[in-house]
C-alpha atoms as a PDB file:
ATOM      1  CA  MET A   1      81.696 120.600  95.935  1.00  0.00           C
ATOM      2  CA  MET A   2      81.102 122.255  97.668  1.00  0.00           C
ATOM      3  CA  ARG A   3      81.231 125.271  96.618  1.00  0.00           C
ATOM      4  CA  SER A   4      83.986 122.942  95.535  1.00  0.00           C
ATOM      5  CA  LYS A   5      87.106 124.600  95.504  1.00  0.00           C
ATOM      6  CA  ILE A   6      90.330 124.597  93.417  1.00  0.00           C
ATOM      7  CA  LEU A   7      91.965 127.405  91.665  1.00  0.00           C
ATOM      8  CA  LEU A   8      98.097 140.034  82.079  1.00  0.00           C
ATOM      9  CA  PRO A   9     101.086 139.037  81.422  1.00  0.00           C
ATOM     10  CA  LEU A  10      98.758 137.175  79.058  1.00  0.00           C
ATOM     11  CA  CYS A  11      98.223 138.640  75.544  1.00  0.00           C
ATOM     12  CA  VAL A  12      94.841 138.579  74.878  1.00  0.00           C
ATOM     13  CA  LEU A  13      95.469 138.601  71.117  1.00  0.00           C
ATOM     14  CA  ALA A  14      97.790 135.397  71.237  1.00  0.00           C
ATOM     15  CA  VAL A  15      94.940 133.532  73.167  1.00  0.00           C
ATOM     16  CA  SER A  16      92.817 131.523  70.698  1.00  0.00           C
ATOM     17  CA  VAL A  17      89.719 131.422  72.917  1.00  0.00           C
ATOM     18  CA  SER A  18      86.215 132.343  72.770  1.00  0.00           C
ATOM     19  CA  THR A  19      86.310 134.305  75.914  1.00  0.00           C
ATOM     20  CA  SER A  20      86.472 138.176  75.708  1.00  0.00           C
ATOM     21  CA  PHE A  21      86.802 141.004  78.380  1.00  0.00           C
ATOM     22  CA  ALA A  22      83.121 141.528  77.398  1.00  0.00           C
ATOM     23  CA  GLN A  23      82.135 138.169  78.342  1.00  0.00           C
ATOM     24  CA  LEU A  24      84.193 138.023  81.546  1.00  0.00           C
ATOM     25  CA  ASN A  25      81.726 140.908  82.814  1.00  0.00           C
ATOM     26  CA  LYS A  26      78.894 138.713  82.741  1.00  0.00           C
ATOM     27  CA  TYR A  27      80.081 136.957  85.908  1.00  0.00           C
ATOM     28  CA  ASN A  28      78.736 138.374  89.207  1.00  0.00           C
ATOM     29  CA  SER A  29      80.787 135.993  91.551  1.00  0.00           C
ATOM     30  CA  PHE A  30      84.030 133.900  91.824  1.00  0.00           C
ATOM     31  CA  GLU A  31      81.878 130.770  92.063  1.00  0.00           C
ATOM     32  CA  GLU A  32      80.039 131.591  88.903  1.00  0.00           C
ATOM     33  CA  MET A  33      83.400 131.424  87.265  1.00  0.00           C
ATOM     34  CA  ILE A  34      84.511 128.241  88.510  1.00  0.00           C
ATOM     35  CA  PRO A  35      82.795 125.563  86.119  1.00  0.00           C
ATOM     36  CA  ARG A  36      83.975 127.369  82.890  1.00  0.00           C
ATOM     37  CA  THR A  37      87.465 127.815  84.355  1.00  0.00           C
ATOM     38  CA  LEU A  38      87.667 123.950  85.261  1.00  0.00           C
ATOM     39  CA  LYS A  39      85.999 123.187  81.798  1.00  0.00           C
ATOM     40  CA  TYR A  40      89.058 124.908  80.304  1.00  0.00           C
ATOM     41  CA  TYR A  41      91.393 123.214  82.487  1.00  0.00           C
ATOM     42  CA  HIS A  42      90.228 119.565  81.750  1.00  0.00           C
ATOM     43  CA  ASP A  43      90.064 120.607  78.056  1.00  0.00           C
ATOM     44  CA  ASN A  44      93.866 121.564  78.366  1.00  0.00           C
ATOM     45  CA  GLN A  45      93.070 125.112  77.413  1.00  0.00           C
ATOM     46  CA  LEU A  46      95.275 126.438  79.948  1.00  0.00           C
ATOM     47  CA  ASP A  47      95.679 130.048  78.662  1.00  0.00           C
ATOM     48  CA  SER A  48      92.091 130.182  78.625  1.00  0.00           C
ATOM     49  CA  ALA A  49      91.552 129.002  82.131  1.00  0.00           C
ATOM     50  CA  ILE A  50      94.356 131.480  83.355  1.00  0.00           C
ATOM     51  CA  LEU A  51      92.516 134.506  81.903  1.00  0.00           C
ATOM     52  CA  LEU A  52      89.600 133.724  83.715  1.00  0.00           C
ATOM     53  CA  ALA A  53      91.134 133.071  86.916  1.00  0.00           C
ATOM     54  CA  GLU A  54      93.070 136.118  86.754  1.00  0.00           C
ATOM     55  CA  TYR A  55      90.008 138.256  86.202  1.00  0.00           C
ATOM     56  CA  ALA A  56      88.497 136.362  89.171  1.00  0.00           C
ATOM     57  CA  TYR A  57      91.524 137.263  91.266  1.00  0.00           C
ATOM     58  CA  LYS A  58      91.412 140.867  90.621  1.00  0.00           C
ATOM     59  CA  THR A  59      87.647 141.305  90.566  1.00  0.00           C
ATOM     60  CA  PHE A  60      86.265 139.350  93.502  1.00  0.00           C
ATOM     61  CA  PRO A  61      88.924 140.331  96.582  1.00  0.00           C
ATOM     62  CA  ALA A  62      86.499 138.531  99.055  1.00  0.00           C
ATOM     63  CA  GLU A  63      87.472 135.303  97.358  1.00  0.00           C
ATOM     64  CA  GLU A  64      91.125 135.970  97.244  1.00  0.00           C
ATOM     65  CA  GLU A  65      92.502 132.800  98.763  1.00  0.00           C
ATOM     66  CA  ASP A  66      90.314 130.553  96.685  1.00  0.00           C
ATOM     67  CA  ALA A  67      91.459 132.501  93.671  1.00  0.00           C
ATOM     68  CA  ILE A  68      95.148 132.315  94.277  1.00  0.00           C
ATOM     69  CA  THR A  69      94.902 128.663  95.259  1.00  0.00           C
ATOM     70  CA  PHE A  70      93.222 128.036  91.751  1.00  0.00           C
ATOM     71  CA  LEU A  71      95.569 130.542  89.700  1.00  0.00           C
ATOM     72  CA  GLY A  72      98.685 128.910  91.301  1.00  0.00           C
ATOM     73  CA  GLY A  73      97.762 125.579  89.943  1.00  0.00           C
ATOM     74  CA  LEU A  74      97.124 126.697  86.785  1.00  0.00           C
ATOM     75  CA  TYR A  75     100.435 128.650  86.449  1.00  0.00           C
ATOM     76  CA  THR A  76     102.190 125.410  87.501  1.00  0.00           C
ATOM     77  CA  ARG A  77     100.372 123.396  84.781  1.00  0.00           C
ATOM     78  CA  ASN A  78     101.317 125.948  82.403  1.00  0.00           C
ATOM     79  CA  ALA A  79     104.921 125.942  83.537  1.00  0.00           C
ATOM     80  CA  GLN A  80     104.748 129.591  84.991  1.00  0.00           C
ATOM     81  CA  TYR A  81     106.453 128.607  87.978  1.00  0.00           C
ATOM     82  CA  LYS A  82     107.685 131.996  89.073  1.00  0.00           C
ATOM     83  CA  LYS A  83     104.216 133.476  88.910  1.00  0.00           C
ATOM     84  CA  ALA A  84     102.855 130.372  90.920  1.00  0.00           C
ATOM     85  CA  THR A  85     105.511 130.811  93.587  1.00  0.00           C
ATOM     86  CA  ALA A  86     105.249 134.618  93.847  1.00  0.00           C
ATOM     87  CA  ILE A  87     101.373 134.515  94.228  1.00  0.00           C
ATOM     88  CA  TRP A  88     101.546 131.648  96.824  1.00  0.00           C
ATOM     89  CA  LYS A  89     104.218 133.518  98.918  1.00  0.00           C
ATOM     90  CA  ALA A  90     102.061 136.690  98.926  1.00  0.00           C
ATOM     91  CA  GLY A  91      99.282 134.526  99.848  1.00  0.00           C
ATOM     92  CA  HIS A  92     101.166 133.064 102.768  1.00  0.00           C
ATOM     93  CA  GLU A  93     101.930 136.637 104.084  1.00  0.00           C
ATOM     94  CA  LYS A  94      97.947 137.010 104.509  1.00  0.00           C
ATOM     95  CA  GLY A  95      97.916 133.196 106.400  1.00  0.00           C
ATOM     96  CA  TYR A  96      96.313 131.631 103.295  1.00  0.00           C
ATOM     97  CA  CYS A  97      97.316 127.758 102.646  1.00  0.00           C
ATOM     98  CA  PHE A  98      97.402 126.214  99.471  1.00  0.00           C
ATOM     99  CA  GLY A  99      98.153 122.431  99.865  1.00  0.00           C
ATOM    100  CA  LEU A 100     101.816 122.807  98.481  1.00  0.00           C
ATOM    101  CA  ASP A 101     103.103 120.081 100.757  1.00  0.00           C
ATOM    102  CA  ASN A 102     102.060 117.317  98.291  1.00  0.00           C
ATOM    103  CA  PRO A 103     103.902 114.851  95.992  1.00  0.00           C
ATOM    104  CA  SER A 104     102.028 115.757  93.103  1.00  0.00           C
ATOM    105  CA  TYR A 105     104.061 119.101  92.987  1.00  0.00           C
ATOM    106  CA  ASP A 106     107.467 117.254  92.943  1.00  0.00           C
ATOM    107  CA  LYS A 107     107.637 116.610  89.050  1.00  0.00           C
ATOM    108  CA  TYR A 108     107.097 120.630  88.486  1.00  0.00           C
ATOM    109  CA  TYR A 109     109.418 121.912  91.438  1.00  0.00           C
ATOM    110  CA  LYS A 110     111.886 119.308  91.974  1.00  0.00           C
ATOM    111  CA  GLU A 111     114.984 121.838  92.256  1.00  0.00           C
ATOM    112  CA  ASN A 112     113.118 124.806  92.796  1.00  0.00           C
ATOM    113  CA  SER A 113     114.314 126.266  96.449  1.00  0.00           C
ATOM    114  CA  ASN A 114     111.623 128.923  96.542  1.00  0.00           C
ATOM    115  CA  PHE A 115     108.830 126.358  96.216  1.00  0.00           C
ATOM    116  CA  LYS A 116     110.497 124.044  98.768  1.00  0.00           C
ATOM    117  CA  GLU A 117     110.400 126.822 101.136  1.00  0.00           C
ATOM    118  CA  LEU A 118     106.842 127.507 100.656  1.00  0.00           C
ATOM    119  CA  ALA A 119     105.913 123.842 101.132  1.00  0.00           C
ATOM    120  CA  ARG A 120     107.985 123.619 104.295  1.00  0.00           C
ATOM    121  CA  VAL A 121     106.035 126.481 105.671  1.00  0.00           C
ATOM    122  CA  GLU A 122     102.732 124.730 105.169  1.00  0.00           C
ATOM    123  CA  ARG A 123     104.093 121.480 106.314  1.00  0.00           C
ATOM    124  CA  ASN A 124     104.767 123.074 109.719  1.00  0.00           C
ATOM    125  CA  TRP A 125     101.247 124.604 109.800  1.00  0.00           C
ATOM    126  CA  TYR A 126      99.707 121.205 109.350  1.00  0.00           C
ATOM    127  CA  GLN A 127     102.140 119.231 111.659  1.00  0.00           C
ATOM    128  CA  ASN A 128      99.665 119.146 114.558  1.00  0.00           C
ATOM    129  CA  SER A 129      96.335 118.964 112.472  1.00  0.00           C
ATOM    130  CA  HIS A 130      94.378 115.752 111.984  1.00  0.00           C
ATOM    131  CA  ILE A 131      91.416 114.470 110.130  1.00  0.00           C
ATOM    132  CA  GLU A 132      88.304 114.902 112.137  1.00  0.00           C
ATOM    133  CA  HIS A 133      85.156 112.854 111.966  1.00  0.00           C
ATOM    134  CA  GLU A 134      81.772 112.755 113.535  1.00  0.00           C
ATOM    135  CA  VAL A 135      79.632 109.357 113.826  1.00  0.00           C
ATOM    136  CA  VAL A 136      75.848 109.828 113.522  1.00  0.00           C
ATOM    137  CA  LEU A 137      73.703 106.657 114.701  1.00  0.00           C
ATOM    138  CA  PRO A 138      70.250 105.876 113.018  1.00  0.00           C
ATOM    139  CA  SER A 139      67.055 106.407 114.760  1.00  0.00           C
ATOM    140  CA  GLY A 140      66.196 103.523 116.715  1.00  0.00           C
ATOM    141  CA  TYR A 141      69.762 102.627 116.958  1.00  0.00           C
ATOM    142  CA  ASP A 142      70.322  99.121 118.615  1.00  0.00           C
ATOM    143  CA  LYS A 143      73.807  97.956 119.603  1.00  0.00           C
ATOM    144  CA  ASP A 144      72.777  94.366 118.986  1.00  0.00           C
ATOM    145  CA  LYS A 145      71.662  94.891 115.169  1.00  0.00           C
ATOM    146  CA  SER A 146      74.127  94.838 112.434  1.00  0.00           C
ATOM    147  CA  TYR A 147      74.095  98.293 110.196  1.00  0.00           C
ATOM    148  CA  PRO A 148      75.245  99.314 106.918  1.00  0.00           C
ATOM    149  CA  LEU A 149      77.917 102.183 107.148  1.00  0.00           C
ATOM    150  CA  VAL A 150      78.503 105.334 104.792  1.00  0.00           C
ATOM    151  CA  PHE A 151      81.599 107.517 104.704  1.00  0.00           C
ATOM    152  CA  VAL A 152      80.824 111.179 103.564  1.00  0.00           C
ATOM    153  CA  LEU A 153      83.740 113.139 102.395  1.00  0.00           C
ATOM    154  CA  HIS A 154      83.330 116.852 101.829  1.00  0.00           C
ATOM    155  CA  GLY A 155      84.209 118.650  98.874  1.00  0.00           C
ATOM    156  CA  ASN A 156      87.049 121.151  98.743  1.00  0.00           C
ATOM    157  CA  SER A 157      86.230 124.628 100.214  1.00  0.00           C
ATOM    158  CA  SER A 158      83.817 122.886 102.846  1.00  0.00           C
ATOM    159  CA  ASN A 159      83.824 120.801 105.991  1.00  0.00           C
ATOM    160  CA  MET A 160      81.705 118.104 107.608  1.00  0.00           C
ATOM    161  CA  LYS A 161      79.365 120.462 109.170  1.00  0.00           C
ATOM    162  CA  TRP A 162      78.347 121.831 105.653  1.00  0.00           C
ATOM    163  CA  ALA A 163      78.299 118.303 104.233  1.00  0.00           C
ATOM    164  CA  LYS A 164      75.851 117.106 106.937  1.00  0.00           C
ATOM    165  CA  LYS A 165      73.265 119.768 105.599  1.00  0.00           C
ATOM    166  CA  SER A 166      73.363 118.211 101.846  1.00  0.00           C
ATOM    167  CA  TRP A 167      74.105 114.462 102.717  1.00  0.00           C
ATOM    168  CA  LEU A 168      70.937 114.007 104.561  1.00  0.00           C
ATOM    169  CA  SER A 169      68.485 111.413 103.755  1.00  0.00           C
ATOM    170  CA  GLU A 170      65.848 109.154 105.245  1.00  0.00           C
ATOM    171  CA  VAL A 171      67.663 105.953 104.389  1.00  0.00           C
ATOM    172  CA  MET A 172      70.808 107.444 106.057  1.00  0.00           C
ATOM    173  CA  GLN A 173      68.832 108.413 108.926  1.00  0.00           C
ATOM    174  CA  THR A 174      67.107 105.291 109.485  1.00  0.00           C
ATOM    175  CA  GLU A 175      69.200 102.474 108.358  1.00  0.00           C
ATOM    176  CA  TYR A 176      72.807 103.505 107.995  1.00  0.00           C
ATOM    177  CA  ILE A 177      75.497 104.410 110.648  1.00  0.00           C
ATOM    178  CA  SER A 178      76.877 107.585 109.123  1.00  0.00           C
ATOM    179  CA  VAL A 179      80.455 108.839 109.437  1.00  0.00           C
ATOM    180  CA  PHE A 180      81.229 112.408 108.281  1.00  0.00           C
ATOM    181  CA  VAL A 181      84.707 113.143 107.581  1.00  0.00           C
ATOM    182  CA  GLN A 182      86.723 116.418 107.560  1.00  0.00           C
ATOM    183  CA  SER A 183      90.285 116.696 106.149  1.00  0.00           C
ATOM    184  CA  TYR A 184      93.243 118.093 108.130  1.00  0.00           C
ATOM    185  CA  ALA A 185      94.172 120.543 105.414  1.00  0.00           C
ATOM    186  CA  PHE A 186      92.519 124.020 105.942  1.00  0.00           C
ATOM    187  CA  SER A 187      92.082 126.045 102.621  1.00  0.00           C
ATOM    188  CA  ASN A 188      90.508 129.016 104.328  1.00  0.00           C
ATOM    189  CA  LYS A 189      91.213 129.469 108.085  1.00  0.00           C
ATOM    190  CA  ASN A 190      88.934 132.262 108.330  1.00  0.00           C
ATOM    191  CA  LYS A 191      86.043 130.536 106.745  1.00  0.00           C
ATOM    192  CA  GLY A 192      86.591 127.013 108.302  1.00  0.00           C
ATOM    193  CA  GLU A 193      87.046 125.579 104.873  1.00  0.00           C
ATOM    194  CA  TYR A 194      89.020 122.363 104.163  1.00  0.00           C
ATOM    195  CA  LYS A 195      90.595 120.857 101.086  1.00  0.00           C
ATOM    196  CA  TRP A 196      91.547 117.217 100.437  1.00  0.00           C
ATOM    197  CA  LYS A 197      95.327 116.290  99.692  1.00  0.00           C
ATOM    198  CA  TYR A 198      95.608 113.660  96.934  1.00  0.00           C
ATOM    199  CA  ASP A 199      98.277 111.203  97.182  1.00  0.00           C
ATOM    200  CA  ASP A 200      98.862 111.808 100.565  1.00  0.00           C
ATOM    201  CA  ASP A 201     100.217 109.211 102.926  1.00  0.00           C
ATOM    202  CA  LYS A 202      98.728 111.021 106.123  1.00  0.00           C
ATOM    203  CA  THR A 203      95.225 111.349 104.717  1.00  0.00           C
ATOM    204  CA  ILE A 204      95.348 107.701 103.781  1.00  0.00           C
ATOM    205  CA  LYS A 205      96.448 106.492 107.252  1.00  0.00           C
ATOM    206  CA  GLU A 206      94.119 108.464 109.398  1.00  0.00           C
ATOM    207  CA  LEU A 207      91.210 107.636 107.122  1.00  0.00           C
ATOM    208  CA  ARG A 208      92.287 103.970 107.669  1.00  0.00           C
ATOM    209  CA  ASN A 209      92.510 104.507 111.430  1.00  0.00           C
ATOM    210  CA  ILE A 210      89.010 106.068 111.486  1.00  0.00           C
ATOM    211  CA  TYR A 211      87.580 103.180 109.546  1.00  0.00           C
ATOM    212  CA  GLU A 212      89.154 100.610 111.780  1.00  0.00           C
ATOM    213  CA  ASN A 213      87.931 102.727 114.999  1.00  0.00           C
ATOM    214  CA  VAL A 214      84.351 103.055 113.645  1.00  0.00           C
ATOM    215  CA  THR A 215      84.125  99.355 112.440  1.00  0.00           C
ATOM    216  CA  GLU A 216      85.602  98.042 115.839  1.00  0.00           C
ATOM    217  CA  SER A 217      83.322 100.255 118.090  1.00  0.00           C
ATOM    218  CA  PHE A 218      79.971  99.799 116.396  1.00  0.00           C
ATOM    219  CA  PRO A 219      78.035  97.107 115.086  1.00  0.00           C
ATOM    220  CA  VAL A 220      78.845  97.397 111.353  1.00  0.00           C
ATOM    221  CA  ASP A 221      78.127  94.875 108.562  1.00  0.00           C
ATOM    222  CA  THR A 222      81.402  94.885 106.986  1.00  0.00           C
ATOM    223  CA  ASN A 223      79.822  93.731 103.810  1.00  0.00           C
ATOM    224  CA  LYS A 224      77.919  96.847 103.365  1.00  0.00           C
ATOM    225  CA  ILE A 225      80.254  99.747 103.454  1.00  0.00           C
ATOM    226  CA  VAL A 226      79.861 102.752 101.321  1.00  0.00           C
ATOM    227  CA  PHE A 227      82.013 105.525 100.576  1.00  0.00           C
ATOM    228  CA  SER A 228      80.361 108.883  99.340  1.00  0.00           C
ATOM    229  CA  GLY A 229      81.440 112.341  98.644  1.00  0.00           C
ATOM    230  CA  MET A 230      81.102 115.676  96.468  1.00  0.00           C
ATOM    231  CA  SER A 231      83.608 116.775  93.926  1.00  0.00           C
ATOM    232  CA  ALA A 232      87.145 116.419  95.301  1.00  0.00           C
ATOM    233  CA  GLY A 233      85.533 114.269  98.203  1.00  0.00           C
ATOM    234  CA  GLY A 234      84.214 112.062  95.157  1.00  0.00           C
ATOM    235  CA  TYR A 235      87.790 112.043  93.661  1.00  0.00           C
ATOM    236  CA  LEU A 236      89.168 110.761  97.054  1.00  0.00           C
ATOM    237  CA  ALA A 237      86.274 108.030  97.213  1.00  0.00           C
ATOM    238  CA  LEU A 238      87.075 106.973  93.847  1.00  0.00           C
ATOM    239  CA  GLN A 239      90.720 106.867  94.645  1.00  0.00           C
ATOM    240  CA  LEU A 240      90.248 104.760  97.770  1.00  0.00           C
ATOM    241  CA  ALA A 241      88.168 102.184  95.906  1.00  0.00           C
ATOM    242  CA  PHE A 242      89.944 101.705  92.786  1.00  0.00           C
ATOM    243  CA  ASP A 243      93.440 101.687  94.500  1.00  0.00           C
ATOM    244  CA  GLU A 244      91.883  99.409  97.057  1.00  0.00           C
ATOM    245  CA  LEU A 245      93.182 101.332  99.802  1.00  0.00           C
ATOM    246  CA  ILE A 246      90.244 100.731 102.235  1.00  0.00           C
ATOM    247  CA  PRO A 247      87.707  97.829 101.989  1.00  0.00           C
ATOM    248  CA  MET A 248      84.356  98.933 100.626  1.00  0.00           C
ATOM    249  CA  SER A 249      81.148  97.492  99.096  1.00  0.00           C
ATOM    250  CA  GLY A 250      80.564 100.532  96.641  1.00  0.00           C
ATOM    251  CA  LEU A 251      80.477 104.332  96.079  1.00  0.00           C
ATOM    252  CA  VAL A 252      77.857 107.088  95.916  1.00  0.00           C
ATOM    253  CA  VAL A 253      79.565 110.127  94.410  1.00  0.00           C
ATOM    254  CA  ASN A 254      77.915 113.329  93.497  1.00  0.00           C
ATOM    255  CA  CYS A 255      79.782 115.459  90.538  1.00  0.00           C
ATOM    256  CA  PRO A 256      83.109 113.722  91.425  1.00  0.00           C
ATOM    257  CA  VAL A 257      86.581 114.932  89.899  1.00  0.00           C
ATOM    258  CA  VAL A 258      87.794 111.706  88.317  1.00  0.00           C
ATOM    259  CA  PRO A 259      91.221 110.639  88.905  1.00  0.00           C
ATOM    260  CA  LYS A 260      93.119 110.341  85.492  1.00  0.00           C
ATOM    261  CA  ASP A 261      95.011 107.128  86.428  1.00  0.00           C
ATOM    262  CA  ILE A 262      92.132 104.564  87.208  1.00  0.00           C
ATOM    263  CA  SER A 263      93.424 101.650  84.988  1.00  0.00           C
ATOM    264  CA  ASP A 264      91.719  99.021  83.170  1.00  0.00           C
ATOM    265  CA  LYS A 265      93.235  96.493  85.796  1.00  0.00           C
ATOM    266  CA  ALA A 266      91.599  98.369  88.550  1.00  0.00           C
ATOM    267  CA  ILE A 267      88.335  98.376  87.170  1.00  0.00           C
ATOM    268  CA  GLU A 268      88.390  94.851  86.283  1.00  0.00           C
ATOM    269  CA  ASN A 269      89.288  94.085  89.885  1.00  0.00           C
ATOM    270  CA  PHE A 270      86.372  96.510  91.195  1.00  0.00           C
ATOM    271  CA  VAL A 271      83.934  94.749  88.843  1.00  0.00           C
ATOM    272  CA  ALA A 272      85.151  91.130  89.815  1.00  0.00           C
ATOM    273  CA  GLN A 273      84.529  91.944  93.483  1.00  0.00           C
ATOM    274  CA  LYS A 274      80.924  92.912  92.586  1.00  0.00           C
ATOM    275  CA  LYS A 275      81.283  96.404  94.037  1.00  0.00           C
ATOM    276  CA  ARG A 276      78.744  99.001  92.774  1.00  0.00           C
ATOM    277  CA  ILE A 277      78.960 102.649  92.051  1.00  0.00           C
ATOM    278  CA  GLY A 278      76.287 105.227  91.781  1.00  0.00           C
ATOM    279  CA  LEU A 279      77.106 108.666  90.268  1.00  0.00           C
ATOM    280  CA  ILE A 280      75.014 111.768  90.299  1.00  0.00           C
ATOM    281  CA  THR A 281      75.936 114.812  88.071  1.00  0.00           C
ATOM    282  CA  GLY A 282      74.709 117.722  86.112  1.00  0.00           C
ATOM    283  CA  GLU A 283      74.864 117.725  82.289  1.00  0.00           C
ATOM    284  CA  ASN A 284      76.779 121.079  82.516  1.00  0.00           C
ATOM    285  CA  ASP A 285      79.173 119.737  84.994  1.00  0.00           C
ATOM    286  CA  PHE A 286      82.852 120.527  83.893  1.00  0.00           C
ATOM    287  CA  ALA A 287      83.912 116.879  84.598  1.00  0.00           C
ATOM    288  CA  ILE A 288      80.985 115.126  82.966  1.00  0.00           C
ATOM    289  CA  ASP A 289      83.005 113.633  80.027  1.00  0.00           C
ATOM    290  CA  ASN A 290      85.459 111.947  82.391  1.00  0.00           C
ATOM    291  CA  GLN A 291      82.335 110.706  84.768  1.00  0.00           C
ATOM    292  CA  LYS A 292      80.749 109.169  81.722  1.00  0.00           C
ATOM    293  CA  ARG A 293      83.847 107.550  80.407  1.00  0.00           C
ATOM    294  CA  LEU A 294      84.364 105.987  83.650  1.00  0.00           C
ATOM    295  CA  MET A 295      80.974 104.678  83.939  1.00  0.00           C
ATOM    296  CA  GLU A 296      81.382 103.179  80.292  1.00  0.00           C
ATOM    297  CA  LYS A 297      84.435 101.594  81.189  1.00  0.00           C
ATOM    298  CA  ILE A 298      82.855  99.816  83.981  1.00  0.00           C
ATOM    299  CA  ASP A 299      79.703  98.932  82.304  1.00  0.00           C
ATOM    300  CA  LYS A 300      81.969  97.326  79.583  1.00  0.00           C
ATOM    301  CA  GLN A 301      83.431  95.098  81.849  1.00  0.00           C
ATOM    302  CA  GLY A 302      80.000  94.158  83.284  1.00  0.00           C
ATOM    303  CA  GLY A 303      79.951  96.019  86.251  1.00  0.00           C
ATOM    304  CA  ASN A 304      77.018  97.595  88.384  1.00  0.00           C
ATOM    305  CA  THR A 305      76.570 101.152  87.805  1.00  0.00           C
ATOM    306  CA  LYS A 306      73.854 104.065  88.089  1.00  0.00           C
ATOM    307  CA  LEU A 307      74.474 107.097  86.275  1.00  0.00           C
ATOM    308  CA  ILE A 308      71.881 110.242  86.825  1.00  0.00           C
ATOM    309  CA  ILE A 309      72.553 113.125  84.538  1.00  0.00           C
ATOM    310  CA  ASN A 310      70.565 116.209  85.619  1.00  0.00           C
ATOM    311  CA  LYS A 311      69.488 118.476  82.974  1.00  0.00           C
ATOM    312  CA  ASP A 312      70.391 122.123  83.242  1.00  0.00           C
ATOM    313  CA  LYS A 313      72.725 121.345  86.182  1.00  0.00           C
ATOM    314  CA  GLY A 314      76.259 121.848  86.689  1.00  0.00           C
ATOM    315  CA  HIS A 315      78.644 121.119  89.417  1.00  0.00           C
ATOM    316  CA  GLU A 316      76.197 121.111  92.290  1.00  0.00           C
ATOM    317  CA  TYR A 317      73.645 119.469  94.286  1.00  0.00           C
ATOM    318  CA  VAL A 318      70.166 119.228  92.984  1.00  0.00           C
ATOM    319  CA  GLU A 319      67.046 119.727  94.959  1.00  0.00           C
ATOM    320  CA  GLU A 320      66.061 116.227  94.951  1.00  0.00           C
ATOM    321  CA  PHE A 321      69.414 114.881  95.891  1.00  0.00           C
ATOM    322  CA  SER A 322      68.236 113.409  99.081  1.00  0.00           C
ATOM    323  CA  SER A 323      65.723 111.328  97.282  1.00  0.00           C
ATOM    324  CA  LEU A 324      68.352 110.259  94.958  1.00  0.00           C
ATOM    325  CA  LEU A 325      70.641 109.395  97.578  1.00  0.00           C
ATOM    326  CA  ASP A 326      67.892 107.284  99.217  1.00  0.00           C
ATOM    327  CA  ASP A 327      67.660 105.292  96.080  1.00  0.00           C
ATOM    328  CA  TYR A 328      71.297 104.606  95.722  1.00  0.00           C
ATOM    329  CA  LEU A 329      72.031 103.509  99.148  1.00  0.00           C
ATOM    330  CA  GLU A 330      69.304 101.197  99.200  1.00  0.00           C
ATOM    331  CA  TRP A 331      70.476  99.750  95.654  1.00  0.00           C
ATOM    332  CA  ILE A 332      74.246  99.515  96.872  1.00  0.00           C
ATOM    333  CA  ILE A 333      73.213  97.284  99.703  1.00  0.00           C
ATOM    334  CA  GLU A 334      70.310  95.214  98.246  1.00  0.00           C
END
C-alpha cells in the first residue's frame, strides 16, 4: 500500500477468536499486524480486529497516528461511537488527522455533535489543500508523437514520491506519459503521508481537472489511458473505472482494496466497452477473496482480465513487480 494504511474494555473471554495475548507478542511492528487485522475486518470479525488494533496502539507508540486511524474506524464499525470520538479527539490534540470529513461516516454519526465538531476541524485543515501531481515524460519524448497515458495513485500512508520508486518500469519510462498523483488529505503530517478519501466530491473534481489538463497539454492517445494504484489507490482506480467517473482504457492494480458496491451492471458496462483489467496480488493478501471474486465476475461476462497471485506474499509489492507491470501495460494497450 503502501505500507498501506488504514486502522480492553474488551473481555477476552467473550471473544471467540483464535488470537491470544501470547500470539500477539509475536508481532514486532505495527505493519506486521495490519494484514491480520484487515483480514479479521473483512471477515466481519470486528472484536478480533479491535483486539489486535488496541494491542498495536499500546505497543508501538511510534505508529500512534496510524493505530488511532485504524482503531477509530473499527470502533465505528462495531458501534462503539464514544470510544471512536474520544480517541480521535485525543489524536487531534497531537495534530493527527483521520479523514473524518467524509460522507461515509454519515450513517454512523448523523446526530452526533461530538463527531460533527471533529469533522469540522478536519474540514478546516483541508480547506486550502489540493491534490498534487507530477508528469513524467518518456525517454526520447517527441511532442509530435501520440503516447499512452498512465495515472498512478499511491496507497494510504504514502505519497507520490514513494510511489515513483515502486511504479518504475521500462515500458513506463520509454512508452508512456506517466502521471503520479498525490491526495490532498494528509494522514501523518510529520511523515509526509497521505490517504485517499472515498466518495469524496473534491477528490473526483480535482482528479478530473488534472486529467483534462494533462490530456490537453500533452500528446496523449486518449484511446490508451490506464489508471493504476496500490491498495487504497487501487480502490480509487476501481471506483473511477466502474462508476465511469473518468474515461479510461483499463486498469493495472496491485493488491487493491475492492469496493463492495460494484454492481453487475457496472461490470457489464466495463466489459461492453472492452476495457481491460490486470490485477497483481499475494496469496496472503487480506483482500484476496474480494479481488478474485471481482475478476471472476468480469470473466463470467466475457471480460479481459489478467490475474497474478504471488505465492507466499501478502499485501505488498513483489521483487519482480516492474517486470509484471511491463507485461500488463503492454497488454492493456495492444
